[in-house]
Amino acid sequence: MKTVKCPVCKKTVEWSSNSFRPFCSEQCKNHDLGKWANEEYRVPVEELDGGVEIKDEKEKKGEKD
C-alpha cells in the first residue's frame, strides 16, 4: 500500500483509497486551491525577447493584440 504526505499539512495518507489525493482531505485541497486563487503560488515564466517573437507571429497572421 503506497502512502504519501499531504502537501499542505504533511500528514501521511494512503494513495489508492484517497479521493482527495494528493491531499489528505477536502479541507487541505480547498486550502491549496485558495492559495492559488490568492496568487500565493506562481509558476515562473521565461519570456523570449520580451514577447517580441509572439507579437511578430501575430502580425504575420494579421491578428491584433
C-alpha atoms as a PDB file:
ATOM      1  CA  MET A   1       0.000   0.000   0.000  1.00  0.00           C
ATOM      2  CA  LYS A   2       1.549   3.302  -1.154  1.00  0.00           C
ATOM      3  CA  THR A   3       1.458   6.287   1.190  1.00  0.00           C
ATOM      4  CA  VAL A   4       2.259   9.945   0.529  1.00  0.00           C
ATOM      5  CA  LYS A   5       2.486  13.107   2.617  1.00  0.00           C
ATOM      6  CA  CYS A   6      -0.206  15.739   2.190  1.00  0.00           C
ATOM      7  CA  PRO A   7       1.463  18.805   0.641  1.00  0.00           C
ATOM      8  CA  VAL A   8      -0.475  21.116   2.995  1.00  0.00           C
ATOM      9  CA  CYS A   9      -0.439  19.531   6.468  1.00  0.00           C
ATOM     10  CA  LYS A  10       2.253  16.862   5.882  1.00  0.00           C
ATOM     11  CA  LYS A  11       0.008  14.100   7.269  1.00  0.00           C
ATOM     12  CA  THR A  12       0.779  10.635   5.837  1.00  0.00           C
ATOM     13  CA  VAL A  13      -2.160   9.247   3.855  1.00  0.00           C
ATOM     14  CA  GLU A  14      -2.861   6.193   1.723  1.00  0.00           C
ATOM     15  CA  TRP A  15      -2.705   6.968  -2.003  1.00  0.00           C
ATOM     16  CA  SER A  16      -5.055   4.446  -3.616  1.00  0.00           C
ATOM     17  CA  SER A  17      -8.144   4.815  -1.429  1.00  0.00           C
ATOM     18  CA  ASN A  18      -7.937   8.603  -1.042  1.00  0.00           C
ATOM     19  CA  SER A  19     -10.352  10.563  -3.244  1.00  0.00           C
ATOM     20  CA  PHE A  20      -8.627  13.863  -2.370  1.00  0.00           C
ATOM     21  CA  ARG A  21      -5.119  12.799  -3.369  1.00  0.00           C
ATOM     22  CA  PRO A  22      -2.508  14.127  -3.154  1.00  0.00           C
ATOM     23  CA  PHE A  23      -4.197  15.908  -0.227  1.00  0.00           C
ATOM     24  CA  CYS A  24      -5.436  14.157   2.907  1.00  0.00           C
ATOM     25  CA  SER A  25      -8.848  15.825   2.991  1.00  0.00           C
ATOM     26  CA  GLU A  26     -11.192  18.217   1.230  1.00  0.00           C
ATOM     27  CA  GLN A  27     -10.124  20.909   3.697  1.00  0.00           C
ATOM     28  CA  CYS A  28      -6.457  20.667   2.662  1.00  0.00           C
ATOM     29  CA  LYS A  29      -7.467  20.515  -1.001  1.00  0.00           C
ATOM     30  CA  ASN A  30      -9.508  23.730  -0.660  1.00  0.00           C
ATOM     31  CA  HIS A  31      -6.751  25.413   1.346  1.00  0.00           C
ATOM     32  CA  ASP A  32      -4.303  24.771  -1.503  1.00  0.00           C
ATOM     33  CA  LEU A  33      -6.827  25.979  -4.101  1.00  0.00           C
ATOM     34  CA  GLY A  34      -7.290  29.176  -2.094  1.00  0.00           C
ATOM     35  CA  LYS A  35      -3.551  29.823  -2.184  1.00  0.00           C
ATOM     36  CA  TRP A  36      -3.584  29.537  -5.990  1.00  0.00           C
ATOM     37  CA  ALA A  37      -6.618  31.856  -6.181  1.00  0.00           C
ATOM     38  CA  ASN A  38      -4.878  34.438  -3.964  1.00  0.00           C
ATOM     39  CA  GLU A  39      -1.772  34.198  -6.170  1.00  0.00           C
ATOM     40  CA  GLU A  40       0.367  32.942  -3.299  1.00  0.00           C
ATOM     41  CA  TYR A  41       1.778  30.321  -5.681  1.00  0.00           C
ATOM     42  CA  ARG A  42       3.245  31.338  -9.001  1.00  0.00           C
ATOM     43  CA  VAL A  43       4.610  29.410 -11.941  1.00  0.00           C
ATOM     44  CA  PRO A  44       7.787  31.036 -13.274  1.00  0.00           C
ATOM     45  CA  VAL A  45       7.601  32.118 -16.908  1.00  0.00           C
ATOM     46  CA  GLU A  46      10.576  32.818 -19.092  1.00  0.00           C
ATOM     47  CA  GLU A  47       9.719  35.218 -21.906  1.00  0.00           C
ATOM     48  CA  LEU A  48      11.654  35.080 -25.131  1.00  0.00           C
ATOM     49  CA  ASP A  49      12.885  38.528 -26.214  1.00  0.00           C
ATOM     50  CA  GLY A  50      10.222  40.260 -24.147  1.00  0.00           C
ATOM     51  CA  GLY A  51       7.409  38.683 -26.170  1.00  0.00           C
ATOM     52  CA  VAL A  52       8.616  40.212 -29.461  1.00  0.00           C
ATOM     53  CA  GLU A  53       8.591  36.878 -31.292  1.00  0.00           C
ATOM     54  CA  ILE A  54       4.979  36.197 -30.320  1.00  0.00           C
ATOM     55  CA  LYS A  55       3.906  39.687 -31.432  1.00  0.00           C
ATOM     56  CA  ASP A  56       5.708  39.238 -34.772  1.00  0.00           C
ATOM     57  CA  GLU A  57       3.885  35.950 -35.371  1.00  0.00           C
ATOM     58  CA  LYS A  58       0.505  37.617 -34.701  1.00  0.00           C
ATOM     59  CA  GLU A  59       1.360  40.463 -37.085  1.00  0.00           C
ATOM     60  CA  LYS A  60       2.216  37.958 -39.825  1.00  0.00           C
ATOM     61  CA  LYS A  61      -1.228  36.403 -39.405  1.00  0.00           C
ATOM     62  CA  GLY A  62      -2.936  39.800 -39.322  1.00  0.00           C
ATOM     63  CA  GLU A  63      -4.075  39.421 -35.712  1.00  0.00           C
ATOM     64  CA  LYS A  64      -4.370  42.264 -33.231  1.00  0.00           C
ATOM     65  CA  ASP A  65      -3.315  42.197 -29.553  1.00  0.00           C
END
